[in-house]
Structures are given as structure tokens and as C-alpha cells.
Amino acid sequence: LYQALKFFFYLLKLSKKIDQYFQVEDFASSIGKLHFIQAAATEEEKKYFFLKQLSDVEIETHSFCNRACSFCPNSKFNRFDKNQIMPESIFKKVIDELSLLGFKGTVQLNRYNEPLALDLIFDRVKYACKQLPSANIGFHSNGDFITQEKLNKLAEAGLDFIAISRYIDYSEDRDKQFARA
């Protein structure tokens, strides 16, 4: 497969960029080392293959978000009426399995929700940080629920990062909004 792709990129005069764009050689090499349909694959080979392909994990700890941004599925589906919370046992199972693998990537405790809408985020961050000391633990937030107290609690829990979105109010002059930021 890799050789076919390399030839295709050669024809397009992009042969030097194939590895840069797709990292196909490394992927093809790891597939060559492990075929899951072969009974001979060891647990170590499966672990290596999994970790080689996975760098980011997103876990939506609950479903509530206080916004319905046009670019988000929440604007199309009603997720305001019923907040579905991921059971703690499932959350811990996911984190524990990542820990057993020695996961060192990024774990984001959000998807289409607002992590700071519920206080359970503090215990979940603390648990993830304890079990995955070499991973980066964080989340994205719309910033609506941020307080100094919450930031302090997150720091104590070990949170590595928060990415806060800044939404433009189109009814106000854009230059004035950015001047205040």
C-alpha cells in the first residue's frame, strides 16, 4: 500500500512530501508488524500499535452546554432539556485502561458540552491527572462559568490547560470588543 501511494505521489511530483503529509511509511510499518487477525500478535504488539496511532482522547463527561453555537451540533439537537452524565464507573474505566497502556497523549474532558457547568469536573480532572501523570489533561470552555474559585480548584486538581473560546457579539463594534480583550 505504501509503495502504491509513494508511486502516486511520485507521479504528482510530491514524492518528498508523502511522509510529511501522511506519515504513511510509519503507519504502514506498524501495520506490517501487527495484524490483529493473526493469533500471534502479542499484547505488547497490540499496545504498541494502539499507542502509535492514538494521541488525543476526548471524553464528554456530561451532555449539557448552555450555548447553541451555529457551528456546533447542539444548535441542531436539543441537549438542554436532559443532561446525560457519564457514570463515574465508565469514566474511571476509560482512564484506568489508558493508564494501563501508559498513555502519554492529550485527554480533553469535553466534546459538545461545557465542562464547567457541573462541579463533577473537579473530581474527574483530579482522577485523570493522578492516573495519567504523563498525559496532558485539559478541556475547551466557552468561559461562561469560569470564576477564580473554579480556576483555583482546577489548578489544585492538576489541570494542564483550558482553551477558552471568545465569541463575537455581532451587535457590537468588532474593534471595540477586541480592544477590551
N, C-alpha and C. Protein backbone atom coordinates (compact mmCIF):
# COMPACT_ATOMS: atom_id res chain seq x y z
N LEU A 1 0.83 -1.19 0.00
CA LEU A 1 0.00 0.00 0.00
C LEU A 1 0.88 1.26 0.00
N TYR A 2 1.88 1.24 0.87
CA TYR A 2 2.77 2.40 0.94
C TYR A 2 3.47 2.63 -0.40
N GLN A 3 3.95 1.55 -1.02
CA GLN A 3 4.65 1.69 -2.30
C GLN A 3 3.72 2.26 -3.37
N ALA A 4 2.46 1.84 -3.37
CA ALA A 4 1.49 2.37 -4.34
C ALA A 4 1.27 3.86 -4.11
N LEU A 5 1.13 4.26 -2.85
CA LEU A 5 0.95 5.67 -2.54
C LEU A 5 2.21 6.47 -2.90
N LYS A 6 3.36 5.90 -2.65
CA LYS A 6 4.61 6.59 -2.96
C LYS A 6 4.72 6.82 -4.48
N PHE A 7 4.34 5.81 -5.26
CA PHE A 7 4.37 5.94 -6.71
C PHE A 7 3.38 7.02 -7.16
N PHE A 8 2.17 7.03 -6.58
CA PHE A 8 1.16 8.03 -6.91
C PHE A 8 1.69 9.43 -6.62
N PHE A 9 2.33 9.61 -5.49
CA PHE A 9 2.88 10.92 -5.15
C PHE A 9 4.07 11.26 -6.05
N TYR A 10 4.82 10.26 -6.48
CA TYR A 10 5.92 10.49 -7.42
C TYR A 10 5.37 11.06 -8.73
N LEU A 11 4.27 10.48 -9.21
CA LEU A 11 3.65 10.97 -10.45
C LEU A 11 3.17 12.41 -10.30
N LEU A 12 2.73 12.76 -9.10
CA LEU A 12 2.27 14.13 -8.85
C LEU A 12 3.41 15.08 -8.48
N LYS A 13 4.62 14.55 -8.54
CA LYS A 13 5.82 15.31 -8.17
C LYS A 13 5.78 15.78 -6.71
N LEU A 14 5.20 14.95 -5.86
CA LEU A 14 5.11 15.24 -4.43
C LEU A 14 5.76 14.14 -3.60
N SER A 15 6.63 13.36 -4.21
CA SER A 15 7.17 12.19 -3.51
C SER A 15 7.92 12.55 -2.23
N LYS A 16 8.51 13.73 -2.15
CA LYS A 16 9.24 14.11 -0.94
C LYS A 16 8.29 14.50 0.18
N LYS A 17 7.05 14.77 -0.17
CA LYS A 17 6.11 15.25 0.84
C LYS A 17 5.19 14.16 1.39
N ILE A 18 5.24 12.97 0.85
CA ILE A 18 4.30 11.94 1.29
C ILE A 18 4.42 11.66 2.78
N ASP A 19 5.63 11.51 3.27
CA ASP A 19 5.79 11.21 4.69
C ASP A 19 5.42 12.42 5.55
N GLN A 20 5.73 13.60 5.06
CA GLN A 20 5.41 14.83 5.79
C GLN A 20 3.90 14.98 5.92
N TYR A 21 3.16 14.73 4.85
CA TYR A 21 1.71 14.92 4.89
C TYR A 21 0.99 13.81 5.65
N PHE A 22 1.34 12.59 5.40
CA PHE A 22 0.52 11.49 5.91
C PHE A 22 1.23 10.58 6.90
N GLN A 23 2.50 10.67 7.02
CA GLN A 23 3.29 9.77 7.84
C GLN A 23 2.95 8.31 7.52
N VAL A 24 2.76 8.07 6.23
CA VAL A 24 2.30 6.77 5.76
C VAL A 24 3.34 5.69 6.01
N GLU A 25 4.59 6.01 5.81
CA GLU A 25 5.62 4.98 5.97
C GLU A 25 5.60 4.42 7.39
N ASP A 26 5.52 5.29 8.37
CA ASP A 26 5.49 4.84 9.76
C ASP A 26 4.24 4.02 10.03
N PHE A 27 3.09 4.48 9.52
CA PHE A 27 1.85 3.75 9.71
C PHE A 27 1.92 2.39 9.02
N ALA A 28 2.39 2.38 7.77
CA ALA A 28 2.50 1.12 7.03
C ALA A 28 3.45 0.17 7.74
N SER A 29 4.52 0.72 8.28
CA SER A 29 5.48 -0.11 9.00
C SER A 29 4.83 -0.74 10.23
N SER A 30 4.04 0.03 10.97
CA SER A 30 3.41 -0.52 12.17
C SER A 30 2.35 -1.55 11.80
N ILE A 31 1.65 -1.35 10.68
CA ILE A 31 0.67 -2.35 10.25
C ILE A 31 1.40 -3.63 9.85
N GLY A 32 2.54 -3.47 9.20
CA GLY A 32 3.32 -4.64 8.81
C GLY A 32 3.77 -5.46 10.01
N LYS A 33 3.96 -4.81 11.15
CA LYS A 33 4.40 -5.50 12.36
C LYS A 33 3.25 -6.17 13.09
N LEU A 34 2.03 -5.75 12.80
CA LEU A 34 0.90 -6.26 13.57
C LEU A 34 -0.33 -6.41 12.69
N HIS A 35 -0.86 -7.59 12.66
CA HIS A 35 -2.14 -7.85 12.01
C HIS A 35 -3.04 -8.42 13.08
N PHE A 36 -4.09 -7.71 13.43
CA PHE A 36 -4.95 -8.14 14.51
C PHE A 36 -5.63 -9.48 14.22
N ILE A 37 -5.73 -9.82 12.95
CA ILE A 37 -6.37 -11.10 12.63
C ILE A 37 -5.43 -12.27 12.87
N GLN A 38 -4.17 -11.99 13.08
CA GLN A 38 -3.22 -13.06 13.38
C GLN A 38 -3.25 -13.35 14.87
N ALA A 39 -3.36 -14.61 15.20
CA ALA A 39 -3.39 -15.01 16.60
C ALA A 39 -2.04 -14.78 17.27
N ALA A 40 -0.99 -14.59 16.47
CA ALA A 40 0.36 -14.48 17.02
C ALA A 40 0.67 -13.10 17.60
N ALA A 41 -0.23 -12.13 17.42
CA ALA A 41 0.04 -10.79 17.93
C ALA A 41 0.04 -10.80 19.46
N THR A 42 1.13 -10.33 20.04
CA THR A 42 1.23 -10.31 21.50
C THR A 42 0.51 -9.09 22.05
N GLU A 43 0.28 -9.10 23.35
CA GLU A 43 -0.34 -7.94 23.99
C GLU A 43 0.55 -6.72 23.86
N GLU A 44 1.85 -6.90 23.93
CA GLU A 44 2.78 -5.78 23.77
C GLU A 44 2.69 -5.19 22.37
N GLU A 45 2.55 -6.04 21.35
CA GLU A 45 2.42 -5.55 19.97
C GLU A 45 1.11 -4.78 19.80
N LYS A 46 0.04 -5.28 20.40
CA LYS A 46 -1.24 -4.58 20.33
C LYS A 46 -1.15 -3.23 21.03
N LYS A 47 -0.52 -3.20 22.18
CA LYS A 47 -0.34 -1.96 22.94
C LYS A 47 0.48 -0.96 22.13
N TYR A 48 1.59 -1.42 21.55
CA TYR A 48 2.44 -0.55 20.73
C TYR A 48 1.64 0.04 19.57
N PHE A 49 0.90 -0.81 18.88
CA PHE A 49 0.12 -0.36 17.73
C PHE A 49 -0.90 0.69 18.16
N PHE A 50 -1.62 0.43 19.24
CA PHE A 50 -2.65 1.33 19.74
C PHE A 50 -2.05 2.69 20.10
N LEU A 51 -0.98 2.68 20.87
CA LEU A 51 -0.36 3.94 21.32
C LEU A 51 0.26 4.71 20.16
N LYS A 52 0.73 4.00 19.16
CA LYS A 52 1.34 4.65 17.99
C LYS A 52 0.30 5.42 17.19
N GLN A 53 -0.95 4.95 17.22
CA GLN A 53 -2.00 5.56 16.41
C GLN A 53 -2.86 6.57 17.17
N LEU A 54 -2.78 6.59 18.50
CA LEU A 54 -3.67 7.42 19.30
C LEU A 54 -2.88 8.48 20.07
N SER A 55 -3.22 9.74 19.85
CA SER A 55 -2.53 10.81 20.59
C SER A 55 -3.50 11.68 21.37
N ASP A 56 -4.77 11.70 20.98
CA ASP A 56 -5.77 12.54 21.64
C ASP A 56 -7.02 11.72 21.96
N VAL A 57 -7.54 11.94 23.16
CA VAL A 57 -8.79 11.29 23.58
C VAL A 57 -9.71 12.38 24.10
N GLU A 58 -10.94 12.39 23.62
CA GLU A 58 -11.94 13.33 24.11
C GLU A 58 -12.99 12.54 24.87
N ILE A 59 -13.31 13.00 26.07
CA ILE A 59 -14.31 12.35 26.91
C ILE A 59 -15.34 13.40 27.30
N GLU A 60 -16.57 13.20 26.87
CA GLU A 60 -17.64 14.12 27.23
C GLU A 60 -18.23 13.63 28.55
N THR A 61 -17.91 14.31 29.65
CA THR A 61 -18.31 13.87 30.98
C THR A 61 -19.80 14.06 31.24
N HIS A 62 -20.44 14.95 30.51
CA HIS A 62 -21.89 15.15 30.57
C HIS A 62 -22.29 15.84 29.28
N SER A 63 -23.59 15.95 29.04
CA SER A 63 -24.03 16.44 27.73
C SER A 63 -24.47 17.90 27.70
N PHE A 64 -24.56 18.56 28.84
CA PHE A 64 -25.11 19.91 28.87
C PHE A 64 -24.13 20.97 28.36
N CYS A 65 -24.67 21.87 27.56
CA CYS A 65 -23.97 23.10 27.20
C CYS A 65 -25.00 24.22 27.24
N ASN A 66 -24.61 25.35 27.76
CA ASN A 66 -25.53 26.48 27.88
C ASN A 66 -25.65 27.30 26.60
N ARG A 67 -24.92 26.92 25.57
CA ARG A 67 -24.97 27.63 24.30
C ARG A 67 -25.42 26.70 23.18
N ALA A 68 -25.80 27.29 22.08
CA ALA A 68 -26.16 26.53 20.87
C ALA A 68 -25.51 27.25 19.68
N CYS A 69 -24.21 27.20 19.61
CA CYS A 69 -23.46 27.89 18.56
C CYS A 69 -23.79 27.29 17.20
N SER A 70 -23.85 28.13 16.19
CA SER A 70 -24.27 27.69 14.85
C SER A 70 -23.37 26.60 14.27
N PHE A 71 -22.11 26.57 14.66
CA PHE A 71 -21.16 25.59 14.12
C PHE A 71 -21.18 24.27 14.88
N CYS A 72 -21.98 24.18 15.93
CA CYS A 72 -21.99 23.01 16.80
C CYS A 72 -23.28 22.20 16.61
N PRO A 73 -23.20 20.87 16.72
CA PRO A 73 -24.43 20.06 16.64
C PRO A 73 -25.48 20.45 17.68
N ASN A 74 -25.07 21.08 18.78
CA ASN A 74 -26.05 21.50 19.79
C ASN A 74 -27.07 22.49 19.23
N SER A 75 -26.72 23.17 18.15
CA SER A 75 -27.68 24.11 17.56
C SER A 75 -28.76 23.39 16.77
N LYS A 76 -28.53 22.12 16.47
CA LYS A 76 -29.49 21.33 15.69
C LYS A 76 -30.27 20.34 16.55
N PHE A 77 -29.71 19.96 17.69
CA PHE A 77 -30.34 18.96 18.55
C PHE A 77 -30.55 19.55 19.94
N ASN A 78 -31.65 19.19 20.57
CA ASN A 78 -31.96 19.70 21.90
C ASN A 78 -31.17 18.91 22.94
N ARG A 79 -30.20 19.58 23.54
CA ARG A 79 -29.43 18.96 24.63
C ARG A 79 -29.58 19.79 25.91
N PHE A 80 -30.60 20.63 25.95
CA PHE A 80 -30.83 21.47 27.11
C PHE A 80 -31.77 20.81 28.12
N ASP A 81 -32.75 20.07 27.63
CA ASP A 81 -33.78 19.51 28.50
C ASP A 81 -33.27 18.45 29.46
N LYS A 82 -32.43 17.56 28.97
CA LYS A 82 -31.97 16.45 29.80
C LYS A 82 -30.44 16.36 29.72
N ASN A 83 -29.80 16.51 30.84
CA ASN A 83 -28.34 16.40 30.90
C ASN A 83 -27.98 14.95 31.21
N GLN A 84 -27.31 14.32 30.28
CA GLN A 84 -26.87 12.94 30.50
C GLN A 84 -25.44 12.97 31.03
N ILE A 85 -25.24 12.40 32.19
CA ILE A 85 -23.93 12.40 32.84
C ILE A 85 -23.28 11.04 32.65
N MET A 86 -22.03 11.06 32.20
CA MET A 86 -21.28 9.81 32.08
C MET A 86 -21.10 9.24 33.48
N PRO A 87 -21.51 7.99 33.69
CA PRO A 87 -21.32 7.39 35.01
C PRO A 87 -19.85 7.39 35.41
N GLU A 88 -19.60 7.64 36.68
CA GLU A 88 -18.23 7.68 37.18
C GLU A 88 -17.49 6.37 36.89
N SER A 89 -18.19 5.25 36.99
CA SER A 89 -17.55 3.95 36.76
C SER A 89 -17.03 3.83 35.32
N ILE A 90 -17.77 4.36 34.36
CA ILE A 90 -17.32 4.32 32.96
C ILE A 90 -16.15 5.26 32.76
N PHE A 91 -16.26 6.46 33.33
CA PHE A 91 -15.16 7.41 33.22
C PHE A 91 -13.87 6.80 33.77
N LYS A 92 -13.95 6.22 34.96
CA LYS A 92 -12.77 5.63 35.58
C LYS A 92 -12.24 4.46 34.77
N LYS A 93 -13.13 3.68 34.18
CA LYS A 93 -12.70 2.55 33.36
C LYS A 93 -11.87 3.02 32.16
N VAL A 94 -12.35 4.07 31.49
CA VAL A 94 -11.61 4.61 30.34
C VAL A 94 -10.24 5.12 30.78
N ILE A 95 -10.21 5.90 31.85
CA ILE A 95 -8.95 6.46 32.35
C ILE A 95 -8.01 5.34 32.81
N ASP A 96 -8.54 4.36 33.52
CA ASP A 96 -7.70 3.25 34.01
C ASP A 96 -7.11 2.44 32.87
N GLU A 97 -7.89 2.23 31.82
CA GLU A 97 -7.37 1.49 30.67
C GLU A 97 -6.29 2.28 29.94
N LEU A 98 -6.48 3.58 29.84
CA LEU A 98 -5.42 4.42 29.25
C LEU A 98 -4.16 4.37 30.12
N SER A 99 -4.36 4.35 31.42
CA SER A 99 -3.23 4.27 32.36
C SER A 99 -2.46 2.96 32.20
N LEU A 100 -3.19 1.85 32.06
CA LEU A 100 -2.55 0.55 31.87
C LEU A 100 -1.71 0.51 30.60
N LEU A 101 -2.12 1.28 29.60
CA LEU A 101 -1.38 1.34 28.35
C LEU A 101 -0.19 2.29 28.42
N GLY A 102 -0.13 3.10 29.48
CA GLY A 102 0.94 4.10 29.58
C GLY A 102 0.70 5.27 28.65
N PHE A 103 -0.55 5.66 28.46
CA PHE A 103 -0.92 6.74 27.55
C PHE A 103 -0.23 8.04 27.96
N LYS A 104 0.38 8.73 26.96
CA LYS A 104 1.11 9.97 27.21
C LYS A 104 0.62 11.12 26.34
N GLY A 105 -0.53 10.95 25.73
CA GLY A 105 -1.06 11.97 24.84
C GLY A 105 -1.88 13.01 25.59
N THR A 106 -2.91 13.50 24.93
CA THR A 106 -3.79 14.53 25.49
C THR A 106 -5.17 13.95 25.75
N VAL A 107 -5.70 14.23 26.94
CA VAL A 107 -7.07 13.86 27.28
C VAL A 107 -7.84 15.16 27.47
N GLN A 108 -8.86 15.35 26.63
CA GLN A 108 -9.71 16.53 26.73
C GLN A 108 -11.05 16.11 27.31
N LEU A 109 -11.44 16.73 28.39
CA LEU A 109 -12.67 16.37 29.08
C LEU A 109 -13.83 17.23 28.58
N ASN A 110 -14.01 17.18 27.27
CA ASN A 110 -15.12 17.90 26.63
C ASN A 110 -15.33 17.33 25.24
N ARG A 111 -16.47 17.64 24.69
CA ARG A 111 -16.78 17.38 23.29
C ARG A 111 -17.75 18.47 22.85
N TYR A 112 -19.04 18.21 22.99
CA TYR A 112 -20.03 19.23 22.66
C TYR A 112 -20.70 19.76 23.93
N ASN A 113 -20.01 19.72 25.02
CA ASN A 113 -20.57 20.16 26.29
C ASN A 113 -19.76 21.32 26.87
N GLU A 114 -20.23 21.86 27.95
CA GLU A 114 -19.49 22.88 28.70
C GLU A 114 -19.02 22.22 30.00
N PRO A 115 -17.74 21.85 30.09
CA PRO A 115 -17.23 21.11 31.24
C PRO A 115 -17.46 21.80 32.58
N LEU A 116 -17.40 23.11 32.61
CA LEU A 116 -17.52 23.83 33.88
C LEU A 116 -18.96 24.03 34.34
N ALA A 117 -19.93 23.52 33.60
CA ALA A 117 -21.33 23.66 34.01
C ALA A 117 -21.65 22.80 35.22
N LEU A 118 -20.87 21.73 35.44
CA LEU A 118 -21.09 20.84 36.59
C LEU A 118 -19.81 20.72 37.41
N ASP A 119 -19.97 20.66 38.71
CA ASP A 119 -18.81 20.56 39.60
C ASP A 119 -18.11 19.20 39.55
N LEU A 120 -18.71 18.21 38.90
CA LEU A 120 -18.05 16.90 38.81
C LEU A 120 -16.74 16.98 38.05
N ILE A 121 -16.53 18.06 37.31
CA ILE A 121 -15.29 18.21 36.54
C ILE A 121 -14.06 18.19 37.44
N PHE A 122 -14.17 18.71 38.65
CA PHE A 122 -13.00 18.78 39.53
C PHE A 122 -12.50 17.39 39.93
N ASP A 123 -13.42 16.52 40.31
CA ASP A 123 -13.03 15.14 40.66
C ASP A 123 -12.53 14.38 39.45
N ARG A 124 -13.13 14.63 38.30
CA ARG A 124 -12.72 13.91 37.08
C ARG A 124 -11.32 14.36 36.64
N VAL A 125 -11.05 15.64 36.74
CA VAL A 125 -9.71 16.14 36.42
C VAL A 125 -8.69 15.54 37.38
N LYS A 126 -9.01 15.57 38.66
CA LYS A 126 -8.09 15.04 39.68
C LYS A 126 -7.79 13.56 39.42
N TYR A 127 -8.81 12.79 39.12
CA TYR A 127 -8.62 11.36 38.88
C TYR A 127 -7.77 11.13 37.63
N ALA A 128 -8.09 11.83 36.55
CA ALA A 128 -7.34 11.67 35.30
C ALA A 128 -5.87 12.05 35.48
N CYS A 129 -5.63 13.14 36.21
CA CYS A 129 -4.24 13.59 36.43
C CYS A 129 -3.46 12.58 37.28
N LYS A 130 -4.13 12.00 38.26
CA LYS A 130 -3.48 11.02 39.14
C LYS A 130 -3.14 9.74 38.36
N GLN A 131 -4.07 9.28 37.54
CA GLN A 131 -3.89 8.01 36.82
C GLN A 131 -3.01 8.16 35.58
N LEU A 132 -2.96 9.34 35.01
CA LEU A 132 -2.22 9.58 33.77
C LEU A 132 -1.21 10.71 33.97
N PRO A 133 -0.19 10.48 34.78
CA PRO A 133 0.74 11.57 35.11
C PRO A 133 1.55 12.08 33.93
N SER A 134 1.69 11.29 32.87
CA SER A 134 2.47 11.73 31.71
C SER A 134 1.60 12.29 30.59
N ALA A 135 0.30 12.31 30.79
CA ALA A 135 -0.62 12.84 29.78
C ALA A 135 -0.91 14.32 30.07
N ASN A 136 -1.40 15.01 29.07
CA ASN A 136 -1.86 16.40 29.22
C ASN A 136 -3.37 16.35 29.39
N ILE A 137 -3.85 16.87 30.51
CA ILE A 137 -5.28 16.83 30.81
C ILE A 137 -5.82 18.26 30.73
N GLY A 138 -6.89 18.44 29.95
CA GLY A 138 -7.47 19.77 29.82
C GLY A 138 -8.84 19.71 29.17
N PHE A 139 -9.33 20.88 28.81
CA PHE A 139 -10.62 20.96 28.12
C PHE A 139 -10.80 22.32 27.49
N HIS A 140 -11.81 22.39 26.61
CA HIS A 140 -12.23 23.64 26.00
C HIS A 140 -13.46 24.12 26.73
N SER A 141 -13.59 25.43 26.88
CA SER A 141 -14.72 26.01 27.60
C SER A 141 -15.19 27.26 26.87
N ASN A 142 -16.48 27.56 27.00
CA ASN A 142 -16.96 28.82 26.45
C ASN A 142 -16.70 29.97 27.42
N GLY A 143 -16.24 29.67 28.62
CA GLY A 143 -15.85 30.69 29.57
C GLY A 143 -16.98 31.25 30.43
N ASP A 144 -18.21 30.85 30.17
CA ASP A 144 -19.35 31.43 30.88
C ASP A 144 -19.38 31.09 32.36
N PHE A 145 -18.81 29.96 32.76
CA PHE A 145 -18.88 29.52 34.15
C PHE A 145 -17.56 29.70 34.91
N ILE A 146 -16.60 30.36 34.30
CA ILE A 146 -15.29 30.49 34.94
C ILE A 146 -15.34 31.52 36.06
N THR A 147 -14.79 31.11 37.20
CA THR A 147 -14.61 32.02 38.34
C THR A 147 -13.20 31.78 38.87
N GLN A 148 -12.71 32.68 39.67
CA GLN A 148 -11.39 32.50 40.27
C GLN A 148 -11.38 31.25 41.15
N GLU A 149 -12.45 31.02 41.86
CA GLU A 149 -12.54 29.83 42.73
C GLU A 149 -12.43 28.54 41.91
N LYS A 150 -13.13 28.50 40.77
CA LYS A 150 -13.06 27.31 39.92
C LYS A 150 -11.66 27.13 39.33
N LEU A 151 -11.03 28.22 38.93
CA LEU A 151 -9.67 28.12 38.39
C LEU A 151 -8.71 27.59 39.46
N ASN A 152 -8.88 28.04 40.69
CA ASN A 152 -8.03 27.54 41.79
C ASN A 152 -8.25 26.05 42.02
N LYS A 153 -9.51 25.62 42.01
CA LYS A 153 -9.82 24.20 42.21
C LYS A 153 -9.25 23.34 41.08
N LEU A 154 -9.31 23.84 39.87
CA LEU A 154 -8.76 23.11 38.72
C LEU A 154 -7.24 23.01 38.82
N ALA A 155 -6.61 24.09 39.25
CA ALA A 155 -5.15 24.07 39.43
C ALA A 155 -4.77 23.06 40.51
N GLU A 156 -5.51 23.03 41.61
CA GLU A 156 -5.25 22.06 42.68
C GLU A 156 -5.45 20.63 42.19
N ALA A 157 -6.40 20.43 41.30
CA ALA A 157 -6.68 19.09 40.77
C ALA A 157 -5.60 18.64 39.79
N GLY A 158 -4.81 19.60 39.26
CA GLY A 158 -3.72 19.25 38.36
C GLY A 158 -3.96 19.53 36.89
N LEU A 159 -5.01 20.25 36.57
CA LEU A 159 -5.34 20.53 35.17
C LEU A 159 -4.15 21.16 34.45
N ASP A 160 -3.87 20.69 33.23
CA ASP A 160 -2.75 21.21 32.44
C ASP A 160 -3.14 22.40 31.57
N PHE A 161 -4.37 22.41 31.03
CA PHE A 161 -4.75 23.51 30.15
C PHE A 161 -6.26 23.69 30.08
N ILE A 162 -6.64 24.92 29.76
CA ILE A 162 -8.02 25.27 29.40
C ILE A 162 -7.92 26.14 28.16
N ALA A 163 -8.66 25.79 27.14
CA ALA A 163 -8.77 26.64 25.96
C ALA A 163 -10.13 27.32 26.06
N ILE A 164 -10.12 28.64 26.15
CA ILE A 164 -11.37 29.40 26.32
C ILE A 164 -11.71 30.08 25.00
N SER A 165 -12.91 29.83 24.52
CA SER A 165 -13.37 30.42 23.27
C SER A 165 -13.85 31.84 23.52
N ARG A 166 -13.61 32.71 22.55
CA ARG A 166 -14.09 34.09 22.62
C ARG A 166 -15.08 34.26 21.50
N TYR A 167 -16.32 34.54 21.84
CA TYR A 167 -17.38 34.68 20.85
C TYR A 167 -17.65 36.15 20.58
N ILE A 168 -17.80 36.48 19.34
CA ILE A 168 -18.02 37.86 18.92
C ILE A 168 -19.50 38.19 19.00
N ASP A 169 -19.80 39.32 19.57
CA ASP A 169 -21.17 39.84 19.61
C ASP A 169 -21.32 40.74 18.38
N TYR A 170 -22.05 40.24 17.38
CA TYR A 170 -22.15 40.97 16.12
C TYR A 170 -23.00 42.24 16.23
N SER A 171 -23.67 42.43 17.35
CA SER A 171 -24.45 43.65 17.53
C SER A 171 -23.55 44.80 18.01
N GLU A 172 -22.33 44.47 18.40
CA GLU A 172 -21.39 45.47 18.89
C GLU A 172 -20.27 45.68 17.88
N ASP A 173 -19.62 46.80 17.92
CA ASP A 173 -18.48 47.08 17.04
C ASP A 173 -17.35 46.10 17.34
N ARG A 174 -16.87 45.41 16.33
CA ARG A 174 -15.85 44.37 16.49
C ARG A 174 -14.55 44.91 17.07
N ASP A 175 -14.10 46.07 16.59
CA ASP A 175 -12.83 46.64 17.08
C ASP A 175 -12.89 46.94 18.57
N LYS A 176 -14.02 47.42 19.05
CA LYS A 176 -14.18 47.71 20.48
C LYS A 176 -14.11 46.44 21.31
N GLN A 177 -14.68 45.35 20.80
CA GLN A 177 -14.66 44.08 21.54
C GLN A 177 -13.24 43.56 21.69
N PHE A 178 -12.46 43.64 20.62
CA PHE A 178 -11.10 43.12 20.70
C PHE A 178 -10.20 44.04 21.50
N ALA A 179 -10.53 45.31 21.55
CA ALA A 179 -9.74 46.24 22.36
C ALA A 179 -9.90 45.94 23.84
N ARG A 180 -11.05 45.39 24.25
CA ARG A 180 -11.29 45.05 25.66
C ARG A 180 -10.67 43.73 26.05
N ALA A 181 -10.41 42.89 25.09
CA ALA A 181 -9.95 41.51 25.38
C ALA A 181 -8.62 41.49 26.08
